[in-house]
Protein backbone atom coordinates (compact mmCIF):
# COMPACT_ATOMS: atom_id res chain seq x y z
CA UNK A 1 -0.10 0.26 -0.22
CA UNK A 2 -1.11 2.11 -1.21
CA UNK A 3 -0.41 0.69 -4.27
CA UNK A 4 -1.68 -3.02 -4.93
CA UNK A 5 -0.06 -3.46 -8.35
CA UNK A 6 3.57 -3.08 -9.82
CA UNK A 7 3.39 0.24 -11.74
CA UNK A 8 5.90 -0.64 -14.10
CA UNK A 9 3.65 -4.09 -15.66
CA UNK A 10 0.21 -2.39 -15.35
CA UNK A 11 -1.43 -2.72 -19.10
CA UNK A 12 -4.68 -0.54 -18.68
CA UNK A 13 -4.76 2.78 -20.02
CA UNK A 14 -8.50 3.58 -18.56
CA UNK A 15 -9.43 4.14 -15.23
CA UNK A 16 -11.98 5.19 -13.09
CA UNK A 17 -11.21 7.76 -10.56
CA UNK A 18 -13.14 8.87 -7.15
CA UNK A 19 -12.77 12.37 -6.66
CA UNK A 20 -11.98 14.27 -3.62
CA UNK A 21 -13.24 17.64 -4.84
CA UNK A 22 -15.47 17.08 -7.04
CA UNK A 23 -14.96 19.24 -10.21
CA UNK A 24 -12.07 20.98 -8.95
CA UNK A 25 -10.47 17.45 -8.82
CA UNK A 26 -10.93 17.78 -12.68
CA UNK A 27 -9.37 20.79 -12.72
CA UNK A 28 -6.57 19.81 -11.23
CA UNK A 29 -6.20 16.64 -13.69
CA UNK A 30 -6.67 18.57 -16.43
CA UNK A 31 -4.07 21.64 -15.22
CA UNK A 32 -1.10 18.49 -14.09
CA UNK A 33 -2.09 15.69 -17.12
CA UNK A 34 -3.67 17.59 -20.27
CA UNK A 35 -1.66 16.47 -22.91
CA UNK A 36 -1.82 12.64 -22.26
CA UNK A 37 -5.82 12.73 -21.68
CA UNK A 38 -7.68 10.99 -24.42
CA UNK A 39 -11.14 11.10 -22.76
CA UNK A 40 -12.94 11.75 -19.72
CA UNK A 41 -16.02 11.08 -19.14
CA UNK A 42 -18.82 11.92 -15.71
CA UNK A 43 -20.38 8.59 -14.38
CA UNK A 44 -21.44 10.18 -11.95
CA UNK A 45 -20.74 13.65 -9.43
CA UNK A 46 -17.79 12.04 -7.54
CA UNK A 47 -16.42 9.34 -10.02
CA UNK A 48 -15.03 9.61 -13.68
CA UNK A 49 -13.78 7.29 -15.98
CA UNK A 50 -11.09 8.47 -17.65
CA UNK A 51 -8.48 7.29 -20.44
CA UNK A 52 -4.81 8.16 -21.43
CA UNK A 53 -2.26 7.65 -24.76
CA UNK A 54 0.38 7.22 -22.03
CA UNK A 55 -0.88 5.74 -18.55
CA UNK A 56 3.03 6.16 -17.51
CA UNK A 57 2.64 9.74 -16.98
CA UNK A 58 -0.34 9.45 -14.68
CA UNK A 59 1.08 6.81 -12.65
CA UNK A 60 4.21 8.97 -12.58
CA UNK A 61 2.01 11.87 -11.31
CA UNK A 62 -0.63 10.49 -9.14
CA UNK A 63 1.34 10.95 -5.68
CA UNK A 64 1.48 14.77 -6.69
CA UNK A 65 -2.50 14.88 -7.18
CA UNK A 66 -4.80 16.05 -3.92
CA UNK A 67 -8.30 15.50 -6.18
CA UNK A 68 -8.10 12.13 -6.67
CA UNK A 69 -9.65 9.63 -3.49
CA UNK A 70 -9.10 6.24 -5.17
CA UNK A 71 -7.70 5.11 -8.36
CA UNK A 72 -9.77 1.92 -9.27
CA UNK A 73 -9.48 -0.71 -11.94
CA UNK A 74 -12.73 -2.15 -13.45
CA UNK A 75 -12.46 -5.73 -12.87
CA UNK A 76 -16.35 -7.62 -12.95
CA UNK A 77 -19.91 -6.27 -14.80
CA UNK A 78 -22.76 -6.62 -12.38
CA UNK A 79 -25.30 -9.29 -14.16
CA UNK A 80 -28.50 -9.33 -13.05
CA UNK A 81 -31.27 -11.76 -14.38
CA UNK A 82 -34.20 -13.88 -12.72
CA UNK A 83 -33.78 -11.97 -9.63
CA UNK A 84 -29.71 -13.30 -9.55
CA UNK A 85 -25.97 -11.53 -9.87
CA UNK A 86 -23.63 -12.65 -11.32
CA UNK A 87 -19.84 -11.21 -12.29
CA UNK A 88 -18.38 -10.86 -15.38
CA UNK A 89 -14.43 -10.75 -15.32
CA UNK A 90 -13.44 -7.80 -17.37
CA UNK A 91 -9.80 -7.66 -15.72
CA UNK A 92 -7.22 -10.49 -14.21
CA UNK A 93 -8.50 -10.32 -10.94
CA UNK A 94 -5.91 -13.33 -9.76
CA UNK A 95 -2.73 -10.73 -10.91
CA UNK A 96 -4.42 -8.17 -8.58
CA UNK A 97 -5.24 -9.98 -5.98
CA UNK A 98 -1.33 -11.75 -5.95
CA UNK A 99 -0.31 -10.48 -2.65
CA UNK A 100 -3.61 -11.17 -0.79
CA UNK A 101 -3.83 -13.71 2.12
CA UNK A 102 -5.82 -14.46 5.32
CA UNK A 103 -4.26 -11.19 7.09
CA UNK A 104 -5.69 -8.81 4.93
CA UNK A 105 -9.19 -7.26 4.96
CA UNK A 106 -12.10 -6.91 1.84
CA UNK A 107 -13.99 -3.48 1.96
CA UNK A 108 -17.34 -2.52 -0.51
CA UNK A 109 -17.68 0.96 -1.40
CA UNK A 110 -20.85 1.89 -3.16
CA UNK A 111 -20.62 5.48 -5.81
CA UNK A 112 -23.73 6.74 -7.67
CA UNK A 113 -26.44 5.39 -6.44
CA UNK A 114 -29.60 5.89 -4.35
CA UNK A 115 -29.50 4.61 -1.02
CA UNK A 116 -32.49 2.34 -2.26
CA UNK A 117 -30.50 0.92 -4.84
CA UNK A 118 -27.61 0.40 -2.59
CA UNK A 119 -29.95 -1.67 0.06
CA UNK A 120 -31.36 -3.81 -2.91
CA UNK A 121 -27.73 -4.63 -3.89
CA UNK A 122 -26.31 -5.02 -0.70
CA UNK A 123 -28.49 -8.25 0.07
CA UNK A 124 -26.82 -10.28 -2.46
CA UNK A 125 -23.62 -8.43 -3.67
CA UNK A 126 -21.16 -9.22 -0.57
CA UNK A 127 -22.10 -13.15 -0.43
CA UNK A 128 -20.75 -13.07 -3.92
CA UNK A 129 -17.92 -11.16 -3.78
CA UNK A 130 -17.45 -13.13 -1.11
CA UNK A 131 -17.23 -16.53 -3.16
CA UNK A 132 -14.90 -15.19 -5.81
CA UNK A 133 -12.52 -14.12 -2.60
CA UNK A 134 -12.20 -17.84 -1.26
CA UNK A 135 -12.50 -19.39 -4.57
CA UNK A 136 -8.94 -17.41 -5.16
CA UNK A 137 -7.59 -19.29 -2.21
CA UNK A 138 -8.47 -17.03 0.28
CA UNK A 139 -10.33 -19.18 2.93
CA UNK A 140 -10.89 -16.93 5.81
CA UNK A 141 -11.99 -13.43 3.87
CA UNK A 142 -14.42 -11.75 5.25
CA UNK A 143 -16.16 -8.41 3.76
CA UNK A 144 -16.32 -5.07 6.08
CA UNK A 145 -18.41 -2.48 4.77
CA UNK A 146 -19.11 1.16 6.32
CA UNK A 147 -22.34 2.87 7.40
CA UNK A 148 -21.29 5.72 5.19
CA UNK A 149 -21.34 2.95 2.15
CA UNK A 150 -17.17 3.94 1.32
CA UNK A 151 -14.37 2.26 2.78
CA UNK A 152 -12.29 5.84 3.72
CA UNK A 153 -9.18 6.14 2.54
CA UNK A 154 -7.50 5.87 6.37
CA UNK A 155 -8.70 3.06 6.69
CA UNK A 156 -7.56 1.28 3.32
CA UNK A 157 -3.76 2.55 4.62
CA UNK A 158 -4.06 1.80 8.12
CA UNK A 159 -6.35 -2.21 8.19
CA UNK A 160 -4.52 -3.09 5.18
CA UNK A 161 -7.92 -3.31 3.65
CA UNK A 162 -8.50 -4.55 -0.13
CA UNK A 163 -11.38 -2.06 -1.20
CA UNK A 164 -13.55 -3.23 -3.79
CA UNK A 165 -15.95 -0.87 -5.25
CA UNK A 166 -19.78 -0.78 -6.79
CA UNK A 167 -20.46 2.13 -8.95
CA UNK A 168 -23.36 2.35 -11.58
CA UNK A 169 -22.60 4.07 -15.02
CA UNK A 170 -25.68 4.45 -16.94
CA UNK A 171 -27.78 1.39 -16.53
CA UNK A 172 -25.03 -0.84 -15.83
CA UNK A 173 -23.10 -1.54 -12.71
CA UNK A 174 -19.83 -2.73 -12.41
CA UNK A 175 -17.08 -3.52 -9.63
CA UNK A 176 -14.11 -2.49 -9.42
CA UNK A 177 -10.81 -2.77 -7.38
CA UNK A 178 -9.02 0.08 -5.25
CA UNK A 179 -5.08 0.17 -6.93
CA UNK A 180 -4.36 3.42 -5.12
CA UNK A 181 -5.16 5.84 -2.63
CA UNK A 182 -2.72 8.69 -1.71
CA UNK A 183 -0.43 7.94 1.04
CA UNK A 184 -0.08 8.48 4.89
CA UNK A 185 1.86 11.81 4.91
CA UNK A 186 -1.26 14.64 4.67
CA UNK A 187 -3.09 12.73 7.37
CA UNK A 188 0.28 12.85 9.58
CA UNK A 189 0.57 16.64 8.88
CA UNK A 190 -3.26 16.86 10.51
CA UNK A 191 -1.76 15.67 13.40
CA UNK A 192 1.56 17.36 13.88
CA UNK A 193 0.25 20.82 13.12
CA UNK A 194 0.65 22.55 16.31
CA UNK A 195 -2.88 25.01 15.88
CA UNK A 196 -5.27 25.79 13.49
CA UNK A 197 -8.93 27.42 13.93
CA UNK A 198 -11.39 24.91 13.08
CA UNK A 199 -13.60 27.22 11.30
CA UNK A 200 -11.05 28.76 9.34
CA UNK A 201 -8.79 25.90 8.62
CA UNK A 202 -8.70 23.91 4.99
CA UNK A 203 -7.42 20.24 4.92
CA UNK A 204 -3.20 20.01 3.70
CA UNK A 205 -5.13 17.88 0.99
CA UNK A 206 -7.29 20.93 -0.57
CA UNK A 207 -4.41 23.28 0.16
CA UNK A 208 -2.16 20.85 -2.81
CA UNK A 209 -4.71 20.53 -5.28
CA UNK A 210 -4.58 24.93 -5.07
CA UNK A 211 -0.84 24.87 -5.21
CA UNK A 212 -1.38 22.32 -8.26
CA UNK A 213 -3.89 24.24 -9.97
CA UNK A 214 -1.23 27.39 -9.72
CA UNK A 215 1.48 25.28 -11.48
CA UNK A 216 3.89 26.53 -9.08
CA UNK A 217 7.54 24.34 -9.02
CA UNK A 218 9.87 23.77 -6.88
CA UNK A 219 12.32 27.00 -6.21
CA UNK A 220 9.35 29.17 -7.51
CA UNK A 221 7.87 31.97 -4.89
CA UNK A 222 3.90 31.46 -3.57
CA UNK A 223 2.41 34.35 -1.98
CA UNK A 224 -0.65 33.80 0.19
CA UNK A 225 -2.22 37.21 1.15
CA UNK A 226 -4.22 36.02 3.45
CA UNK A 227 -2.21 32.92 5.10
CA UNK A 228 -4.27 33.00 8.26
CA UNK A 229 -2.45 29.70 10.94
CA UNK A 230 -0.09 29.06 7.69
CA UNK A 231 -2.14 25.79 5.84
CA UNK A 232 -1.32 26.86 2.36
CA UNK A 233 2.37 27.87 3.19
CA UNK A 234 2.62 24.64 4.96
CA UNK A 235 1.52 22.56 2.28
CA UNK A 236 3.90 24.79 -0.38
CA UNK A 237 7.14 24.50 2.30
CA UNK A 238 7.04 20.45 1.58
CA UNK A 239 6.64 21.13 -1.78
CA UNK A 240 10.00 22.76 -2.04
CA UNK A 241 8.25 26.31 -3.48
CA UNK A 242 9.86 28.88 -1.53
CA UNK A 243 6.77 30.89 0.39
CA UNK A 244 5.40 34.28 1.78
CA UNK A 245 2.36 34.69 3.97
CA UNK A 246 0.77 38.38 4.85
CA UNK A 247 -1.79 38.70 7.30
CA UNK A 248 -3.10 41.05 9.31
CA UNK A 249 -3.87 39.13 12.30
CA UNK A 250 -0.67 39.26 14.67
CA UNK A 251 -2.26 35.93 16.37
CA UNK A 252 -1.96 34.09 13.02
CA UNK A 253 1.02 35.50 12.04
CA UNK A 254 3.04 33.80 15.16
CA UNK A 255 1.18 30.65 14.63
CA UNK A 256 2.03 30.32 10.76
CA UNK A 257 5.79 31.31 11.50
CA UNK A 258 5.41 28.57 14.38
CA UNK A 259 3.74 25.37 11.69
CA UNK A 260 6.24 26.16 9.37
CA UNK A 261 9.28 26.12 11.73
CA UNK A 262 8.04 22.60 12.83
CA UNK A 263 8.50 21.30 9.64
CA UNK A 264 11.24 22.31 8.74
CA UNK A 265 12.11 20.46 11.53
CA UNK A 266 10.40 17.11 10.32
CA UNK A 267 11.14 17.42 6.36
CA UNK A 268 14.24 17.77 4.40
CA UNK A 269 13.08 20.15 1.82
CA UNK A 270 11.10 21.99 3.69
CA UNK A 271 14.59 22.85 5.77
CA UNK A 272 16.22 23.63 2.23
CA UNK A 273 13.19 25.80 1.30
CA UNK A 274 12.89 29.82 2.62
CA UNK A 275 9.55 31.47 3.60
CA UNK A 276 8.47 34.49 5.31
CA UNK A 277 5.49 35.42 6.86
CA UNK A 278 4.80 39.18 8.25
CA UNK A 279 1.62 41.17 9.41
CA UNK A 280 0.19 43.17 6.52
CA UNK A 281 -2.37 44.45 3.71
CA UNK A 282 -3.37 42.60 0.84
CA UNK A 283 -5.07 45.33 -0.45
CA UNK A 284 -1.66 47.38 -0.77
CA UNK A 285 0.61 44.12 -1.45
CA UNK A 286 2.61 46.75 -3.93
CA UNK A 287 4.04 47.94 -0.91
CA UNK A 288 5.72 44.98 -0.17
CA UNK A 289 6.55 43.53 -3.23
CA UNK A 290 8.24 44.57 -6.46
CA UNK A 291 6.12 44.57 -9.33
CA UNK A 292 6.02 40.83 -11.35
CA UNK A 293 7.95 39.14 -8.22
CA UNK A 294 5.44 36.56 -7.09
CA UNK A 295 4.88 33.30 -9.24
CA UNK A 296 1.60 32.46 -7.68
CA UNK A 297 -0.78 33.70 -5.62
CA UNK A 298 -2.73 31.11 -3.67
CA UNK A 299 -5.46 32.19 -1.22
CA UNK A 300 -8.56 31.53 0.82
CA UNK A 301 -9.66 35.12 2.19
CA UNK A 302 -12.16 34.55 5.25
CA UNK A 303 -14.28 37.23 5.18
CA UNK A 304 -17.54 36.28 6.05
CA UNK A 305 -18.72 36.08 9.93
CA UNK A 306 -19.54 32.56 11.75
CA UNK A 307 -23.05 31.64 10.78
CA UNK A 308 -24.98 29.61 14.06
CA UNK A 309 -27.61 29.35 11.20
CA UNK A 310 -28.68 29.58 7.54
CA UNK A 311 -29.09 32.89 6.54
CA UNK A 312 -32.50 34.48 4.59
CA UNK A 313 -31.25 35.51 1.31
CA UNK A 314 -30.79 39.32 1.92
CA UNK A 315 -28.20 38.34 4.97
CA UNK A 316 -26.64 36.29 2.39
CA UNK A 317 -26.56 38.92 -0.60
CA UNK A 318 -25.59 41.49 1.98
CA UNK A 319 -22.30 39.02 2.99
CA UNK A 320 -20.96 38.34 -0.21
CA UNK A 321 -21.64 41.78 -1.54
CA UNK A 322 -19.55 42.95 1.15
CA UNK A 323 -16.90 40.46 1.14
CA UNK A 324 -16.92 40.71 -2.84
CA UNK A 325 -15.55 44.54 -2.40
CA UNK A 326 -12.62 43.05 -0.64
CA UNK A 327 -11.87 40.28 -3.14
CA UNK A 328 -11.84 42.66 -6.25
CA UNK A 329 -9.52 45.21 -4.65
CA UNK A 330 -7.25 42.31 -3.23
CA UNK A 331 -7.24 40.68 -6.54
CA UNK A 332 -6.22 44.13 -8.04
CA UNK A 333 -3.38 44.58 -5.94
CA UNK A 334 -2.13 40.77 -6.73
CA UNK A 335 -2.58 41.32 -9.94
CA UNK A 336 0.07 44.18 -9.89
CA UNK A 337 2.84 41.75 -8.58
CA UNK A 338 2.06 38.40 -9.92
CA UNK A 339 4.77 37.61 -12.98
CA UNK A 340 3.59 37.40 -16.68
CA UNK A 341 2.06 33.99 -17.15
CA UNK A 342 1.86 33.62 -13.51
CA UNK A 343 -1.42 32.37 -11.98
CA UNK A 344 -4.31 32.87 -8.89
CA UNK A 345 -5.87 30.56 -7.36
CA UNK A 346 -8.38 32.04 -5.12
CA UNK A 347 -11.38 30.01 -3.21
CA UNK A 348 -14.60 32.01 -2.71
CA UNK A 349 -17.44 31.41 -0.80
CA UNK A 350 -21.30 30.52 -1.63
CA UNK A 351 -24.13 30.57 1.09
CA UNK A 352 -26.70 28.19 1.31
CA UNK A 353 -29.59 30.41 2.57
CA UNK A 354 -33.06 29.59 4.29
CA UNK A 355 -35.11 29.67 1.22
CA UNK A 356 -32.82 27.06 -0.41
CA UNK A 357 -31.28 29.27 -3.00
CA UNK A 358 -26.93 29.47 -3.22
CA UNK A 359 -25.56 33.21 -2.84
CA UNK A 360 -22.57 32.41 -4.40
CA UNK A 361 -20.15 35.25 -5.41
CA UNK A 362 -19.37 36.30 -8.86
CA UNK A 363 -15.89 37.42 -9.71
CA UNK A 364 -16.32 37.45 -13.38
CA UNK A 365 -19.21 40.10 -13.43
CA UNK A 366 -16.14 42.67 -13.16
CA UNK A 367 -13.48 43.08 -15.39
CA UNK A 368 -9.85 42.70 -14.01
CA UNK A 369 -7.03 44.11 -15.53
CA UNK A 370 -4.22 42.36 -17.05
CA UNK A 371 -6.20 38.72 -16.01
CA UNK A 372 -7.25 36.08 -17.86
CA UNK A 373 -9.37 33.07 -17.26
CA UNK A 374 -7.58 29.48 -17.13
CA UNK A 375 -8.76 26.91 -19.11
CA UNK A 376 -6.28 24.29 -18.94
CA UNK A 377 -7.47 22.23 -21.90
CA UNK A 378 -9.09 23.14 -25.39
CA UNK A 379 -10.90 19.39 -25.19
CA UNK A 380 -13.01 20.85 -21.74
CA UNK A 381 -14.50 24.23 -20.20
CA UNK A 382 -14.51 24.50 -17.29
CA UNK A 383 -17.43 27.34 -15.78
CA UNK A 384 -16.20 29.74 -13.62
CA UNK A 385 -16.57 29.22 -10.53
CA UNK A 386 -15.67 25.99 -10.20
CA UNK A 387 -17.25 23.75 -7.65
CA UNK A 388 -15.21 22.10 -4.83
CA UNK A 389 -18.32 19.16 -3.45
CA UNK A 390 -17.51 20.13 -0.38
CA UNK A 391 -18.65 22.28 2.39
CA UNK A 392 -16.93 24.57 4.56
CA UNK A 393 -19.72 24.08 7.16
CA UNK A 394 -22.98 23.24 6.91
CA UNK A 395 -23.98 26.51 4.91
CA UNK A 396 -21.16 27.42 3.43
CA UNK A 397 -19.52 26.34 0.53
CA UNK A 398 -16.22 26.66 -1.53
CA UNK A 399 -15.84 27.68 -5.02
CA UNK A 400 -12.56 28.29 -6.88
CA UNK A 401 -11.38 31.03 -9.65
CA UNK A 402 -7.72 30.23 -11.40
CA UNK A 403 -6.74 33.57 -13.46
CA UNK A 404 -3.29 33.56 -15.40
CA UNK A 405 -1.34 37.15 -15.97
């Protein structure tokens, strides 16, 4: 683990990907792998089928991509006839299970189904899967399931679970096997970070996705002008990217510095990488930086009040309007210090209201001098803001804009 196959022997050019951040995950995949992608198809909002002309490129970049939750190989088509289920083989399962023994566990996850369909499948599929596994010589095999209908990454890694994945594509049901999940590094980072504020903090994986969208590489310079306690800076530092943080809150600056210093004690890459954090105003960045001196800006301004309940549409519109003014003034300042072809990746909020409507922040309704919307591919057009697919809180969702200088 996290691989259950030899990458050098993999023959498949098509994979099923379970996405961690919805449409934003697809934006990351295209940003990093666009030349190798031959086709992409939405199975559902959290799963895609994707093909590559050179899968070795995909496998090389896998550990660097943050938006992929699981890589799955399709191994069976599920046949339903006369109220009975059977499995039609579509891949060499013996090869994929060659390391399995009675010490391993086997899990079953479901994607792209209605709850009623999962209940119906669950009456027969686990026993059918168990019979297949035992036929492969693993006599003490047991199937474990989660009440969330998904075996989570941390459990796959820590408990050494072979994760079978059932998903529906159109009118057909398939069974795949998870062959790759992200490693444990980001789980450890969450545990080691000295201090965060839960109401404003983001996950290290999401921070890495934002940095990947910026296209910034080792040795270059990244700025987060709303750095908070430094989650984006920490991820950049561990990727070997020189990073600068600015925040108007002295407490945040102190904690960010503490987090970054701790990271340098634990990582050789971070130790060789430069960072700085200072008090400052994101709407006046020209005061601190020379024009064109920053290779990428990656940030999530936290400008909304803490919500204890869903606001009305009128309340949400007022909050978004007030925050948007600060966003636009800050973006204007960011564009002046961004290098030619440098990217600005910025997270915006959308608010779920009592009336059931969503109030989003439209940055494209205002012209932003010197910046254009980033489109990584001619094969797939992204509509901005790009949905992240997960909520910051029960009533606030994240969305992403990527601009290029």
